[in-house]
Amino acid sequence: MQKVRLVDIAQRLGVSTVTVHNALCGRKGVGDAMRAKILEAAKEMGYEPASAPKKKESRIESWKIGVVIAENYLAQYATYYWKMYQELALTAAERHCYMMVEVLKKDVEKRTLELPEFAKEKTVDGIIIIGEIDRSYRRALQEKAGMPIVYMDFYDNEIAKDAVIADNFYGMYQLTELLFAQGMSRLAFVGSIYATSSIMDRFCGFQKALLEHHVTLPDEWLIEDRDEFGQVGFELPKCLPEAFVCNCDLVAGLVIAKLQENGYQVPKDISVIGFDNFAYPGFADMKVTTYEVNMKAMTKVALDKLLKRLRSPGKGRTLEIVSGQVRLKNSIRMK
């Protein structure tokens, strides 16, 4: 006879595995009625608990983590978030967790708001979202999934409070201050600031430096870089600045390519900075001065945060900011 597992009881009652686990262990966070129903189902199904592990870490082995990535992040220059997922998978393996990934289709994200299959089937204990997704879908997921959710590389003060992000604000502030230190003050920002919270934070860090130097950003030097579907594309302004401050290394590489097509040299004629310190395919020879996102540390913090929520469901949600560092390369003119 096949041994009854926690997931079998969870599927029968339509709840998460962690809810069953907490009920059978007498932990908080499960209502009396649901606890009684779980205990009754466990008895009827012949569930036999394994010998209680003495070490706290051994309980982690049963956690199953679902990862969601929106398809628009994979349609063009897909490698950045796949790299983040790979780092997360390595971290999960070190902690004896199992992971499965699901791509969030655009029509589901914007229209039908269907839960990921692993959330509907209750085959995972918690979810990590990589990259910003539509607020309506975030709200639906938060209300219907019935399990802890941690958001990576973006946050939402109303919904996605349990989040891990890079230090976008001060990272971009430091990069912009570097340009001022080299005598440059006519600066353009390339990035759709309402597209993601990360770009917004980076723009705010850029603006802080401008304000401190009493510099005003002309309208034509705030350059949109993507459409509503996340597809990157833009045109250079007619009047060029001394430096382009780009919201990511991908855009910095595209700016450099456009400048070179128009006969300009980087950094001799115009300087360019990026953000992320991630080498995109096709831009291997462009050594862009940038702010390095500590992706490995972010994935560890995200997974630790999720495991903490699984062990203590009632605790409040928090935003964690992970610092990186400026990487000085050869895309800016130095004194």
C-alpha atoms as a PDB file:
ATOM      1  CA  MET A   1       0.000   0.000   0.000  1.00  0.00           C
ATOM      2  CA  GLN A   2       1.355   3.380  -1.015  1.00  0.00           C
ATOM      3  CA  LYS A   3       2.273   5.646   1.867  1.00  0.00           C
ATOM      4  CA  VAL A   4      -0.027   8.664   2.324  1.00  0.00           C
ATOM      5  CA  ARG A   5       1.863  11.960   2.005  1.00  0.00           C
ATOM      6  CA  LEU A   6       1.112  15.492   3.177  1.00  0.00           C
ATOM      7  CA  VAL A   7       0.518  16.521  -0.436  1.00  0.00           C
ATOM      8  CA  ASP A   8      -2.162  13.793  -0.772  1.00  0.00           C
ATOM      9  CA  ILE A   9      -4.103  15.238   2.164  1.00  0.00           C
ATOM     10  CA  ALA A  10      -3.589  18.778   0.797  1.00  0.00           C
ATOM     11  CA  GLN A  11      -4.946  17.847  -2.638  1.00  0.00           C
ATOM     12  CA  ARG A  12      -7.971  16.118  -1.141  1.00  0.00           C
ATOM     13  CA  LEU A  13      -8.926  19.198   0.906  1.00  0.00           C
ATOM     14  CA  GLY A  14      -7.794  21.843  -1.595  1.00  0.00           C
ATOM     15  CA  VAL A  15      -5.282  23.480   0.734  1.00  0.00           C
ATOM     16  CA  SER A  16      -1.498  23.947   0.658  1.00  0.00           C
ATOM     17  CA  THR A  17       0.950  21.364   1.965  1.00  0.00           C
ATOM     18  CA  VAL A  18       2.242  23.833   4.532  1.00  0.00           C
ATOM     19  CA  THR A  19      -1.297  24.227   5.942  1.00  0.00           C
ATOM     20  CA  VAL A  20      -1.543  20.453   6.406  1.00  0.00           C
ATOM     21  CA  HIS A  21       1.930  20.349   7.932  1.00  0.00           C
ATOM     22  CA  ASN A  22       1.116  23.116  10.433  1.00  0.00           C
ATOM     23  CA  ALA A  23      -2.217  21.522  11.385  1.00  0.00           C
ATOM     24  CA  LEU A  24      -0.700  18.096  12.046  1.00  0.00           C
ATOM     25  CA  CYS A  25       2.158  19.631  14.040  1.00  0.00           C
ATOM     26  CA  GLY A  26      -0.186  21.754  16.169  1.00  0.00           C
ATOM     27  CA  ARG A  27       1.246  25.043  14.913  1.00  0.00           C
ATOM     28  CA  LYS A  28      -0.505  28.387  14.770  1.00  0.00           C
ATOM     29  CA  GLY A  29      -1.976  29.868  11.590  1.00  0.00           C
ATOM     30  CA  VAL A  30      -4.668  27.219  10.967  1.00  0.00           C
ATOM     31  CA  GLY A  31      -8.302  27.736  12.039  1.00  0.00           C
ATOM     32  CA  ASP A  32      -9.918  25.252  14.406  1.00  0.00           C
ATOM     33  CA  ALA A  33     -12.438  24.044  11.822  1.00  0.00           C
ATOM     34  CA  MET A  34      -9.777  23.484   9.171  1.00  0.00           C
ATOM     35  CA  ARG A  35      -7.447  21.820  11.679  1.00  0.00           C
ATOM     36  CA  ALA A  36     -10.220  19.353  12.660  1.00  0.00           C
ATOM     37  CA  LYS A  37     -10.965  18.631   8.996  1.00  0.00           C
ATOM     38  CA  ILE A  38      -7.273  17.964   8.269  1.00  0.00           C
ATOM     39  CA  LEU A  39      -6.881  15.674  11.285  1.00  0.00           C
ATOM     40  CA  GLU A  40     -10.000  13.734  10.290  1.00  0.00           C
ATOM     41  CA  ALA A  41      -8.835  13.369   6.678  1.00  0.00           C
ATOM     42  CA  ALA A  42      -5.387  12.226   7.822  1.00  0.00           C
ATOM     43  CA  LYS A  43      -6.951   9.557  10.005  1.00  0.00           C
ATOM     44  CA  GLU A  44      -9.334   8.352   7.280  1.00  0.00           C
ATOM     45  CA  MET A  45      -6.537   8.153   4.712  1.00  0.00           C
ATOM     46  CA  GLY A  46      -4.236   6.262   7.066  1.00  0.00           C
ATOM     47  CA  TYR A  47      -1.540   8.905   7.259  1.00  0.00           C
ATOM     48  CA  GLU A  48       1.449   7.902   9.379  1.00  0.00           C
ATOM     49  CA  PRO A  49       3.843  10.698  10.354  1.00  0.00           C
ATOM     50  CA  ALA A  50       7.517  10.066   9.820  1.00  0.00           C
ATOM     51  CA  SER A  51       9.738   9.902  12.866  1.00  0.00           C
ATOM     52  CA  ALA A  52      10.131  13.476  14.040  1.00  0.00           C
ATOM     53  CA  PRO A  53      13.395  15.010  12.809  1.00  0.00           C
ATOM     54  CA  LYS A  54      15.524  16.474  15.541  1.00  0.00           C
ATOM     55  CA  LYS A  55      17.238  19.029  13.393  1.00  0.00           C
ATOM     56  CA  LYS A  56      15.200  22.012  12.265  1.00  0.00           C
ATOM     57  CA  GLU A  57      16.897  22.087   8.847  1.00  0.00           C
ATOM     58  CA  SER A  58      15.582  18.629   7.868  1.00  0.00           C
ATOM     59  CA  ARG A  59      12.023  20.006   7.678  1.00  0.00           C
ATOM     60  CA  ILE A  60      13.107  22.152   4.705  1.00  0.00           C
ATOM     61  CA  GLU A  61      13.452  19.040   2.517  1.00  0.00           C
ATOM     62  CA  SER A  62       9.710  18.878   1.906  1.00  0.00           C
ATOM     63  CA  TRP A  63       9.313  22.485   0.711  1.00  0.00           C
ATOM     64  CA  LYS A  64       8.394  22.870  -2.922  1.00  0.00           C
ATOM     65  CA  ILE A  65       8.821  26.327  -4.464  1.00  0.00           C
ATOM     66  CA  GLY A  66       6.990  27.621  -7.542  1.00  0.00           C
ATOM     67  CA  VAL A  67       8.658  30.341  -9.636  1.00  0.00           C
ATOM     68  CA  VAL A  68       6.737  32.664 -11.986  1.00  0.00           C
ATOM     69  CA  ILE A  69       8.362  34.763 -14.752  1.00  0.00           C
ATOM     70  CA  ALA A  70       6.286  36.895 -17.141  1.00  0.00           C
ATOM     71  CA  GLU A  71       6.718  35.985 -20.808  1.00  0.00           C
ATOM     72  CA  ASN A  72       7.538  39.558 -21.842  1.00  0.00           C
ATOM     73  CA  TYR A  73      10.837  39.239 -19.946  1.00  0.00           C
ATOM     74  CA  LEU A  74      11.720  36.211 -22.043  1.00  0.00           C
ATOM     75  CA  ALA A  75      10.684  37.434 -25.476  1.00  0.00           C
ATOM     76  CA  GLN A  76      13.633  39.791 -26.049  1.00  0.00           C
ATOM     77  CA  TYR A  77      17.140  39.606 -24.566  1.00  0.00           C
ATOM     78  CA  ALA A  78      15.861  36.939 -22.198  1.00  0.00           C
ATOM     79  CA  THR A  79      19.028  35.985 -20.375  1.00  0.00           C
ATOM     80  CA  TYR A  80      18.931  38.348 -17.356  1.00  0.00           C
ATOM     81  CA  TYR A  81      15.932  36.791 -15.602  1.00  0.00           C
ATOM     82  CA  TRP A  82      16.908  33.290 -16.633  1.00  0.00           C
ATOM     83  CA  LYS A  83      20.241  33.950 -14.938  1.00  0.00           C
ATOM     84  CA  MET A  84      18.372  35.108 -11.823  1.00  0.00           C
ATOM     85  CA  TYR A  85      16.262  31.930 -11.928  1.00  0.00           C
ATOM     86  CA  GLN A  86      19.407  29.794 -12.253  1.00  0.00           C
ATOM     87  CA  GLU A  87      20.932  31.471  -9.203  1.00  0.00           C
ATOM     88  CA  LEU A  88      17.684  30.883  -7.318  1.00  0.00           C
ATOM     89  CA  ALA A  89      17.623  27.209  -8.346  1.00  0.00           C
ATOM     90  CA  LEU A  90      21.195  26.712  -7.108  1.00  0.00           C
ATOM     91  CA  THR A  91      20.340  28.339  -3.787  1.00  0.00           C
ATOM     92  CA  ALA A  92      17.218  26.162  -3.471  1.00  0.00           C
ATOM     93  CA  ALA A  93      19.233  23.007  -4.129  1.00  0.00           C
ATOM     94  CA  GLU A  94      21.660  23.947  -1.357  1.00  0.00           C
ATOM     95  CA  ARG A  95      18.686  24.172   1.020  1.00  0.00           C
ATOM     96  CA  HIS A  96      17.175  20.868  -0.204  1.00  0.00           C
ATOM     97  CA  CYS A  97      14.140  22.607  -1.757  1.00  0.00           C
ATOM     98  CA  TYR A  98      12.447  21.548  -4.982  1.00  0.00           C
ATOM     99  CA  MET A  99      11.608  24.147  -7.626  1.00  0.00           C
ATOM    100  CA  MET A 100       9.355  24.379 -10.651  1.00  0.00           C
ATOM    101  CA  VAL A 101       8.991  27.340 -12.993  1.00  0.00           C
ATOM    102  CA  GLU A 102       5.974  28.605 -14.967  1.00  0.00           C
ATOM    103  CA  VAL A 103       5.944  31.336 -17.614  1.00  0.00           C
ATOM    104  CA  LEU A 104       3.118  33.841 -17.126  1.00  0.00           C
ATOM    105  CA  LYS A 105       1.415  34.447 -20.476  1.00  0.00           C
ATOM    106  CA  LYS A 106       0.470  38.023 -21.317  1.00  0.00           C
ATOM    107  CA  ASP A 107      -3.268  37.331 -21.788  1.00  0.00           C
ATOM    108  CA  VAL A 108      -3.385  35.566 -18.406  1.00  0.00           C
ATOM    109  CA  GLU A 109      -1.525  38.402 -16.709  1.00  0.00           C
ATOM    110  CA  LYS A 110      -3.679  41.134 -18.235  1.00  0.00           C
ATOM    111  CA  ARG A 111      -7.066  39.480 -18.833  1.00  0.00           C
ATOM    112  CA  THR A 112      -7.982  36.065 -17.395  1.00  0.00           C
ATOM    113  CA  LEU A 113      -5.928  36.291 -14.167  1.00  0.00           C
ATOM    114  CA  GLU A 114      -5.731  32.502 -13.868  1.00  0.00           C
ATOM    115  CA  LEU A 115      -3.466  31.146 -11.166  1.00  0.00           C
ATOM    116  CA  PRO A 116      -0.321  29.203 -12.133  1.00  0.00           C
ATOM    117  CA  GLU A 117      -1.015  25.471 -12.439  1.00  0.00           C
ATOM    118  CA  PHE A 118       1.155  24.638  -9.435  1.00  0.00           C
ATOM    119  CA  ALA A 119      -0.893  27.089  -7.344  1.00  0.00           C
ATOM    120  CA  LYS A 120      -4.241  25.713  -8.563  1.00  0.00           C
ATOM    121  CA  GLU A 121      -3.135  22.125  -7.963  1.00  0.00           C
ATOM    122  CA  LYS A 122      -1.495  23.009  -4.604  1.00  0.00           C
ATOM    123  CA  THR A 123       1.681  21.202  -5.646  1.00  0.00           C
ATOM    124  CA  VAL A 124       3.948  23.890  -4.168  1.00  0.00           C
ATOM    125  CA  ASP A 125       4.188  25.398  -0.705  1.00  0.00           C
ATOM    126  CA  GLY A 126       5.192  28.914  -1.686  1.00  0.00           C
ATOM    127  CA  ILE A 127       5.790  31.142  -4.713  1.00  0.00           C
ATOM    128  CA  ILE A 128       8.581  33.468  -5.841  1.00  0.00           C
ATOM    129  CA  ILE A 129       7.780  35.999  -8.595  1.00  0.00           C
ATOM    130  CA  ILE A 130      10.827  37.113 -10.619  1.00  0.00           C
ATOM    131  CA  GLY A 131      10.372  40.472 -12.360  1.00  0.00           C
ATOM    132  CA  GLU A 132       7.493  42.931 -12.086  1.00  0.00           C
ATOM    133  CA  ILE A 133       4.033  41.737 -13.144  1.00  0.00           C
ATOM    134  CA  ASP A 134       0.709  43.524 -13.599  1.00  0.00           C
ATOM    135  CA  ARG A 135      -0.888  44.809 -10.393  1.00  0.00           C
ATOM    136  CA  SER A 136      -4.264  43.151 -11.118  1.00  0.00           C
ATOM    137  CA  TYR A 137      -2.540  39.795 -11.385  1.00  0.00           C
ATOM    138  CA  ARG A 138      -0.520  40.453  -8.234  1.00  0.00           C
ATOM    139  CA  ARG A 139      -3.748  41.176  -6.366  1.00  0.00           C
ATOM    140  CA  ALA A 140      -5.470  38.037  -7.734  1.00  0.00           C
ATOM    141  CA  LEU A 141      -2.486  35.892  -6.818  1.00  0.00           C
ATOM    142  CA  GLN A 142      -2.266  37.336  -3.328  1.00  0.00           C
ATOM    143  CA  GLU A 143      -5.998  36.778  -2.705  1.00  0.00           C
ATOM    144  CA  LYS A 144      -6.432  33.331  -4.258  1.00  0.00           C
ATOM    145  CA  ALA A 145      -3.167  31.403  -4.004  1.00  0.00           C
ATOM    146  CA  GLY A 146      -3.453  30.713  -0.279  1.00  0.00           C
ATOM    147  CA  MET A 147       0.295  30.439   0.233  1.00  0.00           C
ATOM    148  CA  PRO A 148       3.277  32.730   0.944  1.00  0.00           C
ATOM    149  CA  ILE A 149       4.555  34.818  -1.987  1.00  0.00           C
ATOM    150  CA  VAL A 150       7.890  36.638  -2.256  1.00  0.00           C
ATOM    151  CA  TYR A 151       8.580  39.145  -5.047  1.00  0.00           C
ATOM    152  CA  MET A 152      12.056  39.496  -6.575  1.00  0.00           C
ATOM    153  CA  ASP A 153      13.439  42.588  -8.308  1.00  0.00           C
ATOM    154  CA  PHE A 154      10.336  44.716  -7.655  1.00  0.00           C
ATOM    155  CA  TYR A 155       7.972  45.717  -4.892  1.00  0.00           C
ATOM    156  CA  ASP A 156       4.522  47.183  -4.354  1.00  0.00           C
ATOM    157  CA  ASN A 157       3.819  48.983  -1.091  1.00  0.00           C
ATOM    158  CA  GLU A 158       0.152  47.900  -1.192  1.00  0.00           C
ATOM    159  CA  ILE A 159       0.370  44.295  -2.399  1.00  0.00           C
ATOM    160  CA  ALA A 160       3.897  42.991  -2.950  1.00  0.00           C
ATOM    161  CA  LYS A 161       5.384  44.013   0.385  1.00  0.00           C
ATOM    162  CA  ASP A 162       7.308  40.790   0.911  1.00  0.00           C
ATOM    163  CA  ALA A 163       9.982  41.649  -1.636  1.00  0.00           C
ATOM    164  CA  VAL A 164      13.709  41.668  -2.372  1.00  0.00           C
ATOM    165  CA  ILE A 165      15.211  44.370  -4.586  1.00  0.00           C
ATOM    166  CA  ALA A 166      18.617  45.764  -5.517  1.00  0.00           C
ATOM    167  CA  ASP A 167      19.648  49.163  -4.172  1.00  0.00           C
ATOM    168  CA  ASN A 168      18.360  50.877  -7.288  1.00  0.00           C
ATOM    169  CA  PHE A 169      18.089  54.358  -5.784  1.00  0.00           C
ATOM    170  CA  TYR A 170      21.549  54.767  -4.283  1.00  0.00           C
ATOM    171  CA  GLY A 171      23.194  52.652  -6.957  1.00  0.00           C
ATOM    172  CA  MET A 172      22.098  55.080  -9.667  1.00  0.00           C
ATOM    173  CA  TYR A 173      22.817  58.038  -7.401  1.00  0.00           C
ATOM    174  CA  GLN A 174      26.432  56.874  -7.063  1.00  0.00           C
ATOM    175  CA  LEU A 175      26.792  56.416 -10.827  1.00  0.00           C
ATOM    176  CA  THR A 176      25.388  59.875 -11.559  1.00  0.00           C
ATOM    177  CA  GLU A 177      27.676  61.447  -8.937  1.00  0.00           C
ATOM    178  CA  LEU A 178      30.574  59.760 -10.744  1.00  0.00           C
ATOM    179  CA  LEU A 179      29.671  61.677 -13.904  1.00  0.00           C
ATOM    180  CA  PHE A 180      29.515  64.990 -12.047  1.00  0.00           C
ATOM    181  CA  ALA A 181      32.924  64.224 -10.506  1.00  0.00           C
ATOM    182  CA  GLN A 182      34.307  63.924 -14.051  1.00  0.00           C
ATOM    183  CA  GLY A 183      32.969  67.367 -14.946  1.00  0.00           C
ATOM    184  CA  MET A 184      29.812  66.276 -16.781  1.00  0.00           C
ATOM    185  CA  SER A 185      26.469  67.943 -15.965  1.00  0.00           C
ATOM    186  CA  ARG A 186      24.472  67.772 -19.216  1.00  0.00           C
ATOM    187  CA  LEU A 187      22.938  64.356 -18.642  1.00  0.00           C
ATOM    188  CA  ALA A 188      20.065  62.398 -20.222  1.00  0.00           C
ATOM    189  CA  PHE A 189      18.164  59.512 -18.606  1.00  0.00           C
ATOM    190  CA  VAL A 190      17.095  56.576 -20.787  1.00  0.00           C
ATOM    191  CA  GLY A 191      14.270  54.523 -19.273  1.00  0.00           C
ATOM    192  CA  SER A 192      10.466  54.350 -19.127  1.00  0.00           C
ATOM    193  CA  ILE A 193      10.081  55.420 -15.517  1.00  0.00           C
ATOM    194  CA  TYR A 194       6.501  54.160 -15.135  1.00  0.00           C
ATOM    195  CA  ALA A 195       7.263  50.727 -16.606  1.00  0.00           C
ATOM    196  CA  THR A 196       8.676  49.167 -13.417  1.00  0.00           C
ATOM    197  CA  SER A 197       9.387  50.178  -9.836  1.00  0.00           C
ATOM    198  CA  SER A 198      13.090  49.437 -10.442  1.00  0.00           C
ATOM    199  CA  ILE A 199      13.349  51.966 -13.263  1.00  0.00           C
ATOM    200  CA  MET A 200      11.408  54.495 -11.190  1.00  0.00           C
ATOM    201  CA  ASP A 201      13.807  54.057  -8.252  1.00  0.00           C
ATOM    202  CA  ARG A 202      16.835  54.394 -10.530  1.00  0.00           C
ATOM    203  CA  PHE A 203      15.420  57.570 -12.039  1.00  0.00           C
ATOM    204  CA  CYS A 204      14.815  58.978  -8.546  1.00  0.00           C
ATOM    205  CA  GLY A 205      18.452  58.284  -7.617  1.00  0.00           C
ATOM    206  CA  PHE A 206      19.526  60.051 -10.809  1.00  0.00           C
ATOM    207  CA  GLN A 207      17.276  63.018  -9.981  1.00  0.00           C
ATOM    208  CA  LYS A 208      18.659  63.277  -6.450  1.00  0.00           C
ATOM    209  CA  ALA A 209      22.136  63.855  -7.879  1.00  0.00           C
ATOM    210  CA  LEU A 210      20.791  66.456 -10.340  1.00  0.00           C
ATOM    211  CA  LEU A 211      18.961  68.312  -7.571  1.00  0.00           C
ATOM    212  CA  GLU A 212      22.049  68.416  -5.381  1.00  0.00           C
ATOM    213  CA  HIS A 213      23.978  70.009  -8.253  1.00  0.00           C
ATOM    214  CA  HIS A 214      21.094  72.387  -9.120  1.00  0.00           C
ATOM    215  CA  VAL A 215      20.720  70.855 -12.576  1.00  0.00           C
ATOM    216  CA  THR A 216      17.356  70.621 -14.371  1.00  0.00           C
ATOM    217  CA  LEU A 217      16.581  67.736 -16.722  1.00  0.00           C
ATOM    218  CA  PRO A 218      15.218  68.938 -20.100  1.00  0.00           C
ATOM    219  CA  ASP A 219      12.103  67.099 -21.314  1.00  0.00           C
ATOM    220  CA  GLU A 220      13.869  65.785 -24.420  1.00  0.00           C
ATOM    221  CA  TRP A 221      16.518  64.134 -22.247  1.00  0.00           C
ATOM    222  CA  LEU A 222      14.028  61.947 -20.404  1.00  0.00           C
ATOM    223  CA  ILE A 223      13.870  59.198 -23.036  1.00  0.00           C
ATOM    224  CA  GLU A 224      11.277  56.394 -23.089  1.00  0.00           C
ATOM    225  CA  ASP A 225      12.957  53.096 -23.895  1.00  0.00           C
ATOM    226  CA  ARG A 226      10.156  50.474 -24.144  1.00  0.00           C
ATOM    227  CA  ASP A 227       6.531  49.949 -25.105  1.00  0.00           C
ATOM    228  CA  GLU A 228       3.648  48.601 -23.005  1.00  0.00           C
ATOM    229  CA  PHE A 229       4.681  45.018 -23.824  1.00  0.00           C
ATOM    230  CA  GLY A 230       8.227  45.576 -22.556  1.00  0.00           C
ATOM    231  CA  GLN A 231       9.809  45.601 -26.026  1.00  0.00           C
ATOM    232  CA  VAL A 232      12.877  47.834 -25.985  1.00  0.00           C
ATOM    233  CA  GLY A 233      13.209  50.590 -28.595  1.00  0.00           C
ATOM    234  CA  PHE A 234      13.981  54.325 -28.663  1.00  0.00           C
ATOM    235  CA  GLU A 235      15.495  57.171 -30.684  1.00  0.00           C
ATOM    236  CA  LEU A 236      18.364  59.438 -29.708  1.00  0.00           C
ATOM    237  CA  PRO A 237      17.448  63.096 -29.088  1.00  0.00           C
ATOM    238  CA  LYS A 238      18.419  65.695 -31.708  1.00  0.00           C
ATOM    239  CA  CYS A 239      20.489  67.613 -29.167  1.00  0.00           C
ATOM    240  CA  LEU A 240      22.870  65.161 -27.509  1.00  0.00           C
ATOM    241  CA  PRO A 241      23.968  65.363 -23.851  1.00  0.00           C
ATOM    242  CA  GLU A 242      27.454  64.862 -22.463  1.00  0.00           C
ATOM    243  CA  ALA A 243      26.384  61.501 -21.023  1.00  0.00           C
ATOM    244  CA  PHE A 244      23.518  59.027 -21.227  1.00  0.00           C
ATOM    245  CA  VAL A 245      22.430  57.503 -17.912  1.00  0.00           C
ATOM    246  CA  CYS A 246      20.697  54.230 -18.835  1.00  0.00           C
ATOM    247  CA  ASN A 247      18.385  52.207 -16.601  1.00  0.00           C
ATOM    248  CA  CYS A 248      20.133  48.931 -17.480  1.00  0.00           C
ATOM    249  CA  ASP A 249      23.151  47.570 -19.339  1.00  0.00           C
ATOM    250  CA  LEU A 250      21.015  46.327 -22.214  1.00  0.00           C
ATOM    251  CA  VAL A 251      19.816  49.852 -22.973  1.00  0.00           C
ATOM    252  CA  ALA A 252      23.344  51.210 -22.464  1.00  0.00           C
ATOM    253  CA  GLY A 253      24.610  48.779 -25.104  1.00  0.00           C
ATOM    254  CA  LEU A 254      21.880  49.861 -27.523  1.00  0.00           C
ATOM    255  CA  VAL A 255      22.663  53.542 -26.900  1.00  0.00           C
ATOM    256  CA  ILE A 256      26.348  52.924 -27.632  1.00  0.00           C
ATOM    257  CA  ALA A 257      25.450  51.081 -30.847  1.00  0.00           C
ATOM    258  CA  LYS A 258      23.206  53.953 -31.992  1.00  0.00           C
ATOM    259  CA  LEU A 259      25.896  56.542 -31.205  1.00  0.00           C
ATOM    260  CA  GLN A 260      28.481  54.576 -33.165  1.00  0.00           C
ATOM    261  CA  GLU A 261      26.078  54.309 -36.117  1.00  0.00           C
ATOM    262  CA  ASN A 262      25.884  58.092 -36.107  1.00  0.00           C
ATOM    263  CA  GLY A 263      29.655  58.547 -36.050  1.00  0.00           C
ATOM    264  CA  TYR A 264      30.181  59.237 -32.336  1.00  0.00           C
ATOM    265  CA  GLN A 265      32.813  57.591 -30.183  1.00  0.00           C
ATOM    266  CA  VAL A 266      32.209  56.369 -26.627  1.00  0.00           C
ATOM    267  CA  PRO A 267      33.594  57.691 -24.345  1.00  0.00           C
ATOM    268  CA  LYS A 268      35.647  60.202 -26.353  1.00  0.00           C
ATOM    269  CA  ASP A 269      32.605  62.148 -27.582  1.00  0.00           C
ATOM    270  CA  ILE A 270      29.821  60.995 -25.254  1.00  0.00           C
ATOM    271  CA  SER A 271      29.821  58.926 -22.054  1.00  0.00           C
ATOM    272  CA  VAL A 272      27.343  56.130 -21.249  1.00  0.00           C
ATOM    273  CA  ILE A 273      26.563  54.317 -17.991  1.00  0.00           C
ATOM    274  CA  GLY A 274      24.312  51.314 -17.372  1.00  0.00           C
ATOM    275  CA  PHE A 275      22.998  49.270 -14.456  1.00  0.00           C
ATOM    276  CA  ASP A 276      23.079  45.528 -13.488  1.00  0.00           C
ATOM    277  CA  ASN A 277      26.602  44.547 -14.638  1.00  0.00           C
ATOM    278  CA  PHE A 278      25.152  41.859 -16.859  1.00  0.00           C
ATOM    279  CA  ALA A 279      26.663  41.015 -20.257  1.00  0.00           C
ATOM    280  CA  TYR A 280      23.892  40.696 -22.844  1.00  0.00           C
ATOM    281  CA  PRO A 281      24.509  38.700 -26.045  1.00  0.00           C
ATOM    282  CA  GLY A 282      25.772  40.949 -28.817  1.00  0.00           C
ATOM    283  CA  PHE A 283      27.381  43.519 -26.521  1.00  0.00           C
ATOM    284  CA  ALA A 284      30.395  41.524 -25.317  1.00  0.00           C
ATOM    285  CA  ASP A 285      32.924  44.137 -26.464  1.00  0.00           C
ATOM    286  CA  MET A 286      31.162  47.073 -24.804  1.00  0.00           C
ATOM    287  CA  LYS A 287      32.664  47.476 -21.331  1.00  0.00           C
ATOM    288  CA  VAL A 288      29.979  49.637 -19.751  1.00  0.00           C
ATOM    289  CA  THR A 289      30.506  51.431 -16.441  1.00  0.00           C
ATOM    290  CA  THR A 290      27.666  50.152 -14.315  1.00  0.00           C
ATOM    291  CA  TYR A 291      26.286  49.255 -10.882  1.00  0.00           C
ATOM    292  CA  GLU A 292      26.589  45.550 -10.185  1.00  0.00           C
ATOM    293  CA  VAL A 293      23.411  43.919  -8.851  1.00  0.00           C
ATOM    294  CA  ASN A 294      24.328  41.233  -6.323  1.00  0.00           C
ATOM    295  CA  MET A 295      22.074  38.603  -7.862  1.00  0.00           C
ATOM    296  CA  LYS A 296      23.405  35.731  -5.760  1.00  0.00           C
ATOM    297  CA  ALA A 297      22.724  37.598  -2.509  1.00  0.00           C
ATOM    298  CA  MET A 298      19.237  38.597  -3.716  1.00  0.00           C
ATOM    299  CA  THR A 299      18.253  34.995  -4.427  1.00  0.00           C
ATOM    300  CA  LYS A 300      19.496  33.847  -1.026  1.00  0.00           C
ATOM    301  CA  VAL A 301      17.553  36.587   0.750  1.00  0.00           C
ATOM    302  CA  ALA A 302      14.409  35.797  -1.274  1.00  0.00           C
ATOM    303  CA  LEU A 303      14.521  32.082  -0.498  1.00  0.00           C
ATOM    304  CA  ASP A 304      15.345  32.655   3.180  1.00  0.00           C
ATOM    305  CA  LYS A 305      12.418  35.066   3.386  1.00  0.00           C
ATOM    306  CA  LEU A 306      10.030  32.525   1.830  1.00  0.00           C
ATOM    307  CA  LEU A 307      11.186  29.707   4.112  1.00  0.00           C
ATOM    308  CA  LYS A 308      10.715  32.002   7.088  1.00  0.00           C
ATOM    309  CA  ARG A 309       7.130  32.686   5.986  1.00  0.00           C
ATOM    310  CA  LEU A 310       6.499  28.951   5.572  1.00  0.00           C
ATOM    311  CA  ARG A 311       7.661  28.288   9.111  1.00  0.00           C
ATOM    312  CA  SER A 312       5.902  31.343  10.622  1.00  0.00           C
ATOM    313  CA  PRO A 313       2.866  32.215   8.426  1.00  0.00           C
ATOM    314  CA  GLY A 314       1.505  34.925  10.719  1.00  0.00           C
ATOM    315  CA  LYS A 315       4.511  37.252  10.654  1.00  0.00           C
ATOM    316  CA  GLY A 316       4.416  40.588   8.782  1.00  0.00           C
ATOM    317  CA  ARG A 317       5.833  41.129   5.321  1.00  0.00           C
ATOM    318  CA  THR A 318       8.940  43.230   4.690  1.00  0.00           C
ATOM    319  CA  LEU A 319      10.998  44.793   1.911  1.00  0.00           C
ATOM    320  CA  GLU A 320      14.690  43.836   1.783  1.00  0.00           C
ATOM    321  CA  ILE A 321      17.202  45.967  -0.154  1.00  0.00           C
ATOM    322  CA  VAL A 322      20.428  44.276  -1.268  1.00  0.00           C
ATOM    323  CA  SER A 323      23.428  46.504  -1.956  1.00  0.00           C
ATOM    324  CA  GLY A 324      25.789  46.092  -4.901  1.00  0.00           C
ATOM    325  CA  GLN A 325      28.777  48.121  -6.105  1.00  0.00           C
ATOM    326  CA  VAL A 326      29.892  50.466  -8.867  1.00  0.00           C
ATOM    327  CA  ARG A 327      31.958  48.804 -11.587  1.00  0.00           C
ATOM    328  CA  LEU A 328      34.164  51.377 -13.348  1.00  0.00           C
ATOM    329  CA  LYS A 329      34.920  50.340 -16.932  1.00  0.00           C
ATOM    330  CA  ASN A 330      35.658  52.299 -20.097  1.00  0.00           C
ATOM    331  CA  SER A 331      32.365  53.870 -21.245  1.00  0.00           C
ATOM    332  CA  ILE A 332      32.806  57.211 -19.459  1.00  0.00           C
ATOM    333  CA  ARG A 333      35.352  59.951 -20.082  1.00  0.00           C
ATOM    334  CA  MET A 334      37.685  60.396 -17.136  1.00  0.00           C
ATOM    335  CA  LYS A 335      39.575  63.566 -16.260  1.00  0.00           C
END
